[in-house]
Structures are given as structure tokens and as C-alpha cells.
PDB file of N, CA and C in Angstrom:
ATOM      1  N   UNK A   1     109.786 112.561  84.245  1.00  0.00           N
ATOM      2  CA  UNK A   1     110.123 113.211  82.993  1.00  0.00           C
ATOM      3  C   UNK A   1     111.009 114.421  83.260  1.00  0.00           C
ATOM      4  N   UNK A   2     110.651 115.206  84.270  1.00  0.00           N
ATOM      5  CA  UNK A   2     111.418 116.407  84.583  1.00  0.00           C
ATOM      6  C   UNK A   2     112.838 116.059  85.025  1.00  0.00           C
ATOM      7  N   UNK A   3     112.972 114.981  85.810  1.00  0.00           N
ATOM      8  CA  UNK A   3     114.294 114.556  86.274  1.00  0.00           C
ATOM      9  C   UNK A   3     115.152 114.121  85.095  1.00  0.00           C
ATOM     10  N   UNK A   4     114.589 113.417  84.160  1.00  0.00           N
ATOM     11  CA  UNK A   4     115.331 112.993  82.983  1.00  0.00           C
ATOM     12  C   UNK A   4     115.799 114.209  82.186  1.00  0.00           C
ATOM     13  N   UNK A   5     114.978 115.216  82.119  1.00  0.00           N
ATOM     14  CA  UNK A   5     115.379 116.436  81.415  1.00  0.00           C
ATOM     15  C   UNK A   5     116.523 117.119  82.146  1.00  0.00           C
ATOM     16  N   UNK A   6     116.514 117.095  83.477  1.00  0.00           N
ATOM     17  CA  UNK A   6     117.596 117.714  84.241  1.00  0.00           C
ATOM     18  C   UNK A   6     118.910 116.970  84.053  1.00  0.00           C
ATOM     19  N   UNK A   7     118.837 115.641  83.921  1.00  0.00           N
ATOM     20  CA  UNK A   7     120.057 114.862  83.724  1.00  0.00           C
ATOM     21  C   UNK A   7     120.694 115.127  82.370  1.00  0.00           C
ATOM     22  N   UNK A   8     119.902 115.530  81.399  1.00  0.00           N
ATOM     23  CA  UNK A   8     120.376 115.849  80.063  1.00  0.00           C
ATOM     24  C   UNK A   8     121.200 114.697  79.492  1.00  0.00           C
ATOM     25  N   UNK A   9     120.584 113.532  79.425  1.00  0.00           N
ATOM     26  CA  UNK A   9     121.272 112.352  78.946  1.00  0.00           C
ATOM     27  C   UNK A   9     121.575 112.419  77.456  1.00  0.00           C
ATOM     28  N   UNK A  10     120.767 113.073  76.734  1.00  0.00           N
ATOM     29  CA  UNK A  10     121.008 113.181  75.305  1.00  0.00           C
ATOM     30  C   UNK A  10     120.630 111.908  74.587  1.00  0.00           C
ATOM     31  N   UNK A  11     121.350 111.619  73.548  1.00  0.00           N
ATOM     32  CA  UNK A  11     121.071 110.457  72.718  1.00  0.00           C
ATOM     33  C   UNK A  11     121.550 109.181  73.409  1.00  0.00           C
ATOM     34  N   UNK A  12     120.730 108.120  73.351  1.00  0.00           N
ATOM     35  CA  UNK A  12     121.104 106.863  73.997  1.00  0.00           C
ATOM     36  C   UNK A  12     122.296 106.210  73.316  1.00  0.00           C
ATOM     37  N   UNK A  13     122.484 106.442  72.060  1.00  0.00           N
ATOM     38  CA  UNK A  13     123.585 105.836  71.328  1.00  0.00           C
ATOM     39  C   UNK A  13     124.928 106.367  71.856  1.00  0.00           C
ATOM     40  N   UNK A  14     124.995 107.626  72.235  1.00  0.00           N
ATOM     41  CA  UNK A  14     126.244 108.195  72.746  1.00  0.00           C
ATOM     42  C   UNK A  14     126.621 107.602  74.094  1.00  0.00           C
ATOM     43  N   UNK A  15     125.655 107.204  74.903  1.00  0.00           N
ATOM     44  CA  UNK A  15     125.954 106.616  76.211  1.00  0.00           C
ATOM     45  C   UNK A  15     126.696 105.298  76.029  1.00  0.00           C
ATOM     46  N   UNK A  16     126.266 104.469  75.118  1.00  0.00           N
ATOM     47  CA  UNK A  16     126.948 103.200  74.896  1.00  0.00           C
ATOM     48  C   UNK A  16     128.298 103.400  74.216  1.00  0.00           C
ATOM     49  N   UNK A  17     128.445 104.458  73.460  1.00  0.00           N
ATOM     50  CA  UNK A  17     129.727 104.738  72.809  1.00  0.00           C
ATOM     51  C   UNK A  17     130.788 105.188  73.809  1.00  0.00           C
ATOM     52  N   UNK A  18     130.373 105.669  74.967  1.00  0.00           N
ATOM     53  CA  UNK A  18     131.321 106.189  75.956  1.00  0.00           C
ATOM     54  C   UNK A  18     132.025 105.091  76.743  1.00  0.00           C
ATOM     55  N   UNK A  19     131.597 103.862  76.631  1.00  0.00           N
ATOM     56  CA  UNK A  19     132.240 102.776  77.367  1.00  0.00           C
ATOM     57  C   UNK A  19     133.631 102.572  76.777  1.00  0.00           C
ATOM     58  N   UNK A  20     134.641 102.782  77.608  1.00  0.00           N
ATOM     59  CA  UNK A  20     136.025 102.699  77.142  1.00  0.00           C
ATOM     60  C   UNK A  20     136.644 101.380  77.577  1.00  0.00           C
ATOM     61  N   UNK A  21     137.843 101.137  77.124  1.00  0.00           N
ATOM     62  CA  UNK A  21     138.546  99.919  77.492  1.00  0.00           C
ATOM     63  C   UNK A  21     138.886  99.921  78.971  1.00  0.00           C
ATOM     64  N   UNK A  22     139.090 101.102  79.554  1.00  0.00           N
ATOM     65  CA  UNK A  22     139.395 101.184  80.990  1.00  0.00           C
ATOM     66  C   UNK A  22     138.194 100.720  81.818  1.00  0.00           C
ATOM     67  N   UNK A  23     137.017 101.115  81.391  1.00  0.00           N
ATOM     68  CA  UNK A  23     135.817 100.689  82.114  1.00  0.00           C
ATOM     69  C   UNK A  23     135.605  99.187  81.974  1.00  0.00           C
ATOM     70  N   UNK A  24     135.905  98.652  80.826  1.00  0.00           N
ATOM     71  CA  UNK A  24     135.770  97.216  80.610  1.00  0.00           C
ATOM     72  C   UNK A  24     136.744  96.449  81.499  1.00  0.00           C
ATOM     73  N   UNK A  25     137.985  96.930  81.585  1.00  0.00           N
ATOM     74  CA  UNK A  25     138.980  96.298  82.456  1.00  0.00           C
ATOM     75  C   UNK A  25     138.559  96.425  83.918  1.00  0.00           C
ATOM     76  N   UNK A  26     138.044  97.590  84.298  1.00  0.00           N
ATOM     77  CA  UNK A  26     137.608  97.796  85.683  1.00  0.00           C
ATOM     78  C   UNK A  26     136.465  96.853  86.049  1.00  0.00           C
ATOM     79  N   UNK A  27     135.546  96.665  85.145  1.00  0.00           N
ATOM     80  CA  UNK A  27     134.434  95.748  85.411  1.00  0.00           C
ATOM     81  C   UNK A  27     134.946  94.321  85.540  1.00  0.00           C
ATOM     82  N   UNK A  28     135.871  93.935  84.667  1.00  0.00           N
ATOM     83  CA  UNK A  28     136.440  92.584  84.741  1.00  0.00           C
ATOM     84  C   UNK A  28     137.187  92.346  86.045  1.00  0.00           C
ATOM     85  N   UNK A  29     138.006  93.325  86.459  1.00  0.00           N
ATOM     86  CA  UNK A  29     138.742  93.183  87.717  1.00  0.00           C
ATOM     87  C   UNK A  29     137.801  93.166  88.923  1.00  0.00           C
ATOM     88  N   UNK A  30     136.753  93.951  88.858  1.00  0.00           N
ATOM     89  CA  UNK A  30     135.772  93.953  89.944  1.00  0.00           C
ATOM     90  C   UNK A  30     135.086  92.597  90.061  1.00  0.00           C
ATOM     91  N   UNK A  31     134.726  92.023  88.933  1.00  0.00           N
ATOM     92  CA  UNK A  31     134.105  90.698  88.958  1.00  0.00           C
ATOM     93  C   UNK A  31     135.065  89.642  89.493  1.00  0.00           C
ATOM     94  N   UNK A  32     136.344  89.749  89.116  1.00  0.00           N
ATOM     95  CA  UNK A  32     137.339  88.798  89.628  1.00  0.00           C
ATOM     96  C   UNK A  32     137.482  88.931  91.139  1.00  0.00           C
ATOM     97  N   UNK A  33     137.484  90.164  91.632  1.00  0.00           N
ATOM     98  CA  UNK A  33     137.589  90.399  93.074  1.00  0.00           C
ATOM     99  C   UNK A  33     136.383  89.824  93.811  1.00  0.00           C
ATOM    100  N   UNK A  34     135.203  90.062  93.282  1.00  0.00           N
ATOM    101  CA  UNK A  34     133.990  89.535  93.915  1.00  0.00           C
ATOM    102  C   UNK A  34     134.007  88.005  93.914  1.00  0.00           C
ATOM    103  N   UNK A  35     134.472  87.407  92.830  1.00  0.00           N
ATOM    104  CA  UNK A  35     134.549  85.939  92.768  1.00  0.00           C
ATOM    105  C   UNK A  35     135.533  85.394  93.807  1.00  0.00           C
ATOM    106  N   UNK A  36     136.662  86.085  93.994  1.00  0.00           N
ATOM    107  CA  UNK A  36     137.632  85.642  94.994  1.00  0.00           C
ATOM    108  C   UNK A  36     137.051  85.739  96.398  1.00  0.00           C
ATOM    109  N   UNK A  37     136.358  86.827  96.684  1.00  0.00           N
ATOM    110  CA  UNK A  37     135.746  86.980  98.007  1.00  0.00           C
ATOM    111  C   UNK A  37     134.708  85.893  98.240  1.00  0.00           C
ATOM    112  N   UNK A  38     133.889  85.631  97.242  1.00  0.00           N
ATOM    113  CA  UNK A  38     132.885  84.574  97.387  1.00  0.00           C
ATOM    114  C   UNK A  38     133.531  83.209  97.570  1.00  0.00           C
ATOM    115  N   UNK A  39     134.635  82.954  96.885  1.00  0.00           N
ATOM    116  CA  UNK A  39     135.340  81.692  97.040  1.00  0.00           C
ATOM    117  C   UNK A  39     135.906  81.547  98.450  1.00  0.00           C
ATOM    118  N   UNK A  40     136.515  82.621  98.953  1.00  0.00           N
ATOM    119  CA  UNK A  40     137.097  82.574 100.294  1.00  0.00           C
ATOM    120  C   UNK A  40     136.011  82.360 101.344  1.00  0.00           C
ATOM    121  N   UNK A  41     134.911  83.070 101.200  1.00  0.00           N
ATOM    122  CA  UNK A  41     133.825  82.929 102.170  1.00  0.00           C
ATOM    123  C   UNK A  41     133.186  81.548 102.071  1.00  0.00           C
ATOM    124  N   UNK A  42     133.032  81.052 100.872  1.00  0.00           N
ATOM    125  CA  UNK A  42     132.353  79.773 100.683  1.00  0.00           C
ATOM    126  C   UNK A  42     133.211  78.561 100.956  1.00  0.00           C
ATOM    127  N   UNK A  43     134.471  78.601 100.545  1.00  0.00           N
ATOM    128  CA  UNK A  43     135.311  77.418 100.622  1.00  0.00           C
ATOM    129  C   UNK A  43     136.530  77.576 101.514  1.00  0.00           C
ATOM    130  N   UNK A  44     136.697  78.724 102.119  1.00  0.00           N
ATOM    131  CA  UNK A  44     137.873  78.950 102.951  1.00  0.00           C
ATOM    132  C   UNK A  44     137.855  78.099 104.204  1.00  0.00           C
ATOM    133  N   UNK A  45     139.036  77.682 104.622  1.00  0.00           N
ATOM    134  CA  UNK A  45     139.145  76.892 105.842  1.00  0.00           C
ATOM    135  C   UNK A  45     139.087  77.818 107.048  1.00  0.00           C
ATOM    136  N   UNK A  46     138.278  77.460 108.001  1.00  0.00           N
ATOM    137  CA  UNK A  46     138.193  78.254 109.224  1.00  0.00           C
ATOM    138  C   UNK A  46     138.744  77.429 110.375  1.00  0.00           C
ATOM    139  N   UNK A  47     139.389  78.103 111.271  1.00  0.00           N
ATOM    140  CA  UNK A  47     139.944  77.426 112.442  1.00  0.00           C
ATOM    141  C   UNK A  47     138.814  77.073 113.406  1.00  0.00           C
ATOM    142  N   UNK A  48     139.121  76.224 114.316  1.00  0.00           N
ATOM    143  CA  UNK A  48     138.145  75.820 115.313  1.00  0.00           C
ATOM    144  C   UNK A  48     137.780  77.038 116.163  1.00  0.00           C
ATOM    145  N   UNK A  49     136.498  77.288 116.330  1.00  0.00           N
ATOM    146  CA  UNK A  49     136.047  78.483 117.039  1.00  0.00           C
ATOM    147  C   UNK A  49     136.457  78.472 118.511  1.00  0.00           C
ATOM    148  N   UNK A  50     136.544  77.297 119.124  1.00  0.00           N
ATOM    149  CA  UNK A  50     136.931  77.242 120.530  1.00  0.00           C
ATOM    150  C   UNK A  50     138.372  77.698 120.716  1.00  0.00           C
ATOM    151  N   UNK A  51     139.254  77.283 119.828  1.00  0.00           N
ATOM    152  CA  UNK A  51     140.649  77.706 119.963  1.00  0.00           C
ATOM    153  C   UNK A  51     140.803  79.183 119.631  1.00  0.00           C
ATOM    154  N   UNK A  52     140.039  79.661 118.639  1.00  0.00           N
ATOM    155  CA  UNK A  52     140.110  81.081 118.311  1.00  0.00           C
ATOM    156  C   UNK A  52     139.614  81.927 119.485  1.00  0.00           C
ATOM    157  N   UNK A  53     138.543  81.501 120.121  1.00  0.00           N
ATOM    158  CA  UNK A  53     137.999  82.257 121.237  1.00  0.00           C
ATOM    159  C   UNK A  53     138.952  82.232 122.425  1.00  0.00           C
ATOM    160  N   UNK A  54     139.563  81.096 122.682  1.00  0.00           N
ATOM    161  CA  UNK A  54     140.499  80.993 123.802  1.00  0.00           C
ATOM    162  C   UNK A  54     141.703  81.903 123.586  1.00  0.00           C
ATOM    163  N   UNK A  55     142.214  81.960 122.367  1.00  0.00           N
ATOM    164  CA  UNK A  55     143.339  82.838 122.078  1.00  0.00           C
ATOM    165  C   UNK A  55     142.938  84.297 122.212  1.00  0.00           C
ATOM    166  N   UNK A  56     141.736  84.643 121.797  1.00  0.00           N
ATOM    167  CA  UNK A  56     141.287  86.031 121.889  1.00  0.00           C
ATOM    168  C   UNK A  56     141.162  86.472 123.342  1.00  0.00           C
ATOM    169  N   UNK A  57     140.708  85.587 124.192  1.00  0.00           N
ATOM    170  CA  UNK A  57     140.576  85.921 125.607  1.00  0.00           C
ATOM    171  C   UNK A  57     141.953  86.114 126.233  1.00  0.00           C
ATOM    172  N   UNK A  58     142.901  85.256 125.861  1.00  0.00           N
ATOM    173  CA  UNK A  58     144.247  85.371 126.426  1.00  0.00           C
ATOM    174  C   UNK A  58     144.967  86.620 125.938  1.00  0.00           C
ATOM    175  N   UNK A  59     144.818  86.956 124.687  1.00  0.00           N
ATOM    176  CA  UNK A  59     145.541  88.096 124.118  1.00  0.00           C
ATOM    177  C   UNK A  59     145.082  89.408 124.731  1.00  0.00           C
ATOM    178  N   UNK A  60     143.852  89.500 125.145  1.00  0.00           N
ATOM    179  CA  UNK A  60     143.324  90.752 125.658  1.00  0.00           C
ATOM    180  C   UNK A  60     143.680  91.073 127.093  1.00  0.00           C
ATOM    181  N   UNK A  61     144.363  90.190 127.794  1.00  0.00           N
ATOM    182  CA  UNK A  61     144.644  90.436 129.205  1.00  0.00           C
ATOM    183  C   UNK A  61     145.860  91.339 129.372  1.00  0.00           C
ATOM    184  N   UNK A  62     145.913  91.995 130.516  1.00  0.00           N
ATOM    185  CA  UNK A  62     147.036  92.879 130.838  1.00  0.00           C
ATOM    186  C   UNK A  62     148.321  92.070 130.966  1.00  0.00           C
ATOM    187  N   UNK A  63     148.223  90.884 131.524  1.00  0.00           N
ATOM    188  CA  UNK A  63     149.409  90.043 131.701  1.00  0.00           C
ATOM    189  C   UNK A  63     150.027  89.666 130.353  1.00  0.00           C
ATOM    190  N   UNK A  64     149.185  89.317 129.384  1.00  0.00           N
ATOM    191  CA  UNK A  64     149.692  88.933 128.074  1.00  0.00           C
ATOM    192  C   UNK A  64     150.393  90.111 127.391  1.00  0.00           C
ATOM    193  N   UNK A  65     149.763  91.280 127.454  1.00  0.00           N
ATOM    194  CA  UNK A  65     150.357  92.464 126.832  1.00  0.00           C
ATOM    195  C   UNK A  65     151.662  92.831 127.512  1.00  0.00           C
ATOM    196  N   UNK A  66     151.688  92.777 128.839  1.00  0.00           N
ATOM    197  CA  UNK A  66     152.918  93.075 129.573  1.00  0.00           C
ATOM    198  C   UNK A  66     154.019  92.095 129.244  1.00  0.00           C
ATOM    199  N   UNK A  67     153.680  90.821 129.177  1.00  0.00           N
ATOM    200  CA  UNK A  67     154.666  89.794 128.841  1.00  0.00           C
ATOM    201  C   UNK A  67     155.207  90.008 127.431  1.00  0.00           C
ATOM    202  N   UNK A  68     154.325  90.317 126.511  1.00  0.00           N
ATOM    203  CA  UNK A  68     154.743  90.544 125.130  1.00  0.00           C
ATOM    204  C   UNK A  68     155.654  91.766 125.032  1.00  0.00           C
ATOM    205  N   UNK A  69     155.324  92.831 125.725  1.00  0.00           N
ATOM    206  CA  UNK A  69     156.178  94.021 125.720  1.00  0.00           C
ATOM    207  C   UNK A  69     157.541  93.729 126.340  1.00  0.00           C
ATOM    208  N   UNK A  70     157.555  93.005 127.446  1.00  0.00           N
ATOM    209  CA  UNK A  70     158.814  92.684 128.114  1.00  0.00           C
ATOM    210  C   UNK A  70     159.703  91.835 127.211  1.00  0.00           C
ATOM    211  N   UNK A  71     159.120  90.832 126.577  1.00  0.00           N
ATOM    212  CA  UNK A  71     159.906  89.971 125.701  1.00  0.00           C
ATOM    213  C   UNK A  71     160.425  90.725 124.480  1.00  0.00           C
ATOM    214  N   UNK A  72     159.632  91.626 123.939  1.00  0.00           N
ATOM    215  CA  UNK A  72     160.097  92.378 122.770  1.00  0.00           C
ATOM    216  C   UNK A  72     161.190  93.358 123.167  1.00  0.00           C
ATOM    217  N   UNK A  73     161.088  93.973 124.349  1.00  0.00           N
ATOM    218  CA  UNK A  73     162.146  94.871 124.813  1.00  0.00           C
ATOM    219  C   UNK A  73     163.426  94.096 125.096  1.00  0.00           C
ATOM    220  N   UNK A  74     163.281  92.921 125.685  1.00  0.00           N
ATOM    221  CA  UNK A  74     164.446  92.101 126.002  1.00  0.00           C
ATOM    222  C   UNK A  74     165.156  91.664 124.723  1.00  0.00           C
ATOM    223  N   UNK A  75     164.398  91.239 123.719  1.00  0.00           N
ATOM    224  CA  UNK A  75     165.021  90.791 122.474  1.00  0.00           C
ATOM    225  C   UNK A  75     165.679  91.949 121.736  1.00  0.00           C
ATOM    226  N   UNK A  76     165.073  93.133 121.781  1.00  0.00           N
ATOM    227  CA  UNK A  76     165.703  94.277 121.115  1.00  0.00           C
ATOM    228  C   UNK A  76     166.970  94.698 121.848  1.00  0.00           C
ATOM    229  N   UNK A  77     166.989  94.578 123.183  1.00  0.00           N
ATOM    230  CA  UNK A  77     168.199  94.909 123.936  1.00  0.00           C
ATOM    231  C   UNK A  77     169.311  93.919 123.624  1.00  0.00           C
ATOM    232  N   UNK A  78     168.973  92.639 123.486  1.00  0.00           N
ATOM    233  CA  UNK A  78     169.979  91.634 123.131  1.00  0.00           C
ATOM    234  C   UNK A  78     170.534  91.875 121.732  1.00  0.00           C
ATOM    235  N   UNK A  79     169.669  92.242 120.811  1.00  0.00           N
ATOM    236  CA  UNK A  79     170.137  92.531 119.461  1.00  0.00           C
ATOM    237  C   UNK A  79     171.052  93.758 119.463  1.00  0.00           C
ATOM    238  N   UNK A  80     170.721  94.739 120.259  1.00  0.00           N
ATOM    239  CA  UNK A  80     171.539  95.952 120.344  1.00  0.00           C
ATOM    240  C   UNK A  80     172.916  95.611 120.921  1.00  0.00           C
ATOM    241  N   UNK A  81     172.980  94.739 121.925  1.00  0.00           N
ATOM    242  CA  UNK A  81     174.262  94.333 122.504  1.00  0.00           C
ATOM    243  C   UNK A  81     175.114  93.589 121.487  1.00  0.00           C
ATOM    244  N   UNK A  82     174.477  92.706 120.707  1.00  0.00           N
ATOM    245  CA  UNK A  82     175.202  91.955 119.696  1.00  0.00           C
ATOM    246  C   UNK A  82     175.780  92.889 118.642  1.00  0.00           C
ATOM    247  N   UNK A  83     175.007  93.873 118.242  1.00  0.00           N
ATOM    248  CA  UNK A  83     175.484  94.819 117.236  1.00  0.00           C
ATOM    249  C   UNK A  83     176.633  95.666 117.774  1.00  0.00           C
ATOM    250  N   UNK A  84     176.511  96.091 119.018  1.00  0.00           N
ATOM    251  CA  UNK A  84     177.550  96.961 119.569  1.00  0.00           C
ATOM    252  C   UNK A  84     178.831  96.174 119.840  1.00  0.00           C
ATOM    253  N   UNK A  85     178.718  94.908 120.229  1.00  0.00           N
ATOM    254  CA  UNK A  85     179.915  94.105 120.497  1.00  0.00           C
ATOM    255  C   UNK A  85     180.609  93.686 119.197  1.00  0.00           C
ATOM    256  N   UNK A  86     179.841  93.508 118.117  1.00  0.00           N
ATOM    257  CA  UNK A  86     180.457  93.088 116.868  1.00  0.00           C
ATOM    258  C   UNK A  86     181.110  94.271 116.143  1.00  0.00           C
ATOM    259  N   UNK A  87     180.620  95.480 116.356  1.00  0.00           N
ATOM    260  CA  UNK A  87     181.198  96.636 115.686  1.00  0.00           C
ATOM    261  C   UNK A  87     182.307  97.276 116.500  1.00  0.00           C
ATOM    262  N   UNK A  88     182.311  97.066 117.780  1.00  0.00           N
ATOM    263  CA  UNK A  88     183.270  97.775 118.626  1.00  0.00           C
ATOM    264  C   UNK A  88     184.315  96.902 119.104  1.00  0.00           C
TER     265      UNK A  88
END
């Protein structure tokens, strides 16, 4: 009882009158989002776990990261050469 008095809710009719169109839209969008998440979790296609695990193990190695960095640096250097030769 004391907590309710501290909240000072007032008349119950005013609480329901405060529901605005923005709150109604927010509730609708929230429900749509929850439905999409449930659909994805329930019916979404998942890849084979063995292939996902194998890729995760390969990606985490130093060799893979080094190779990826080298290839990205090489491709950016080639693009830079093409740009400089076409403009100059």
C-alpha cells in the first residue's frame, strides 16, 4: 500500500488515456521484430556444423591471417599501380 502511494498513480482511467499512437506503433513494431526473430530461429537454414567448425579453425590460425593480409596488401598495391598508370 505504501509503495503504491509513493508511485502516485492517481486515477486508473488517466493511465489508459495516456497510451498514444506512438506507443501503439512501437508495440506493433516490437511484436513484428520478435516474430521475425522467432521465424529465423525456428525455420532458418543452418549450415552443416562440421564445415562451419572447420572454417572457424582455419580462420583463427596465424598462417590464415598472414595470408589474408598479404593478399589484401598485394591487391591494394596493384590497384594503386593501375590508378597511377591510368592518370599519369
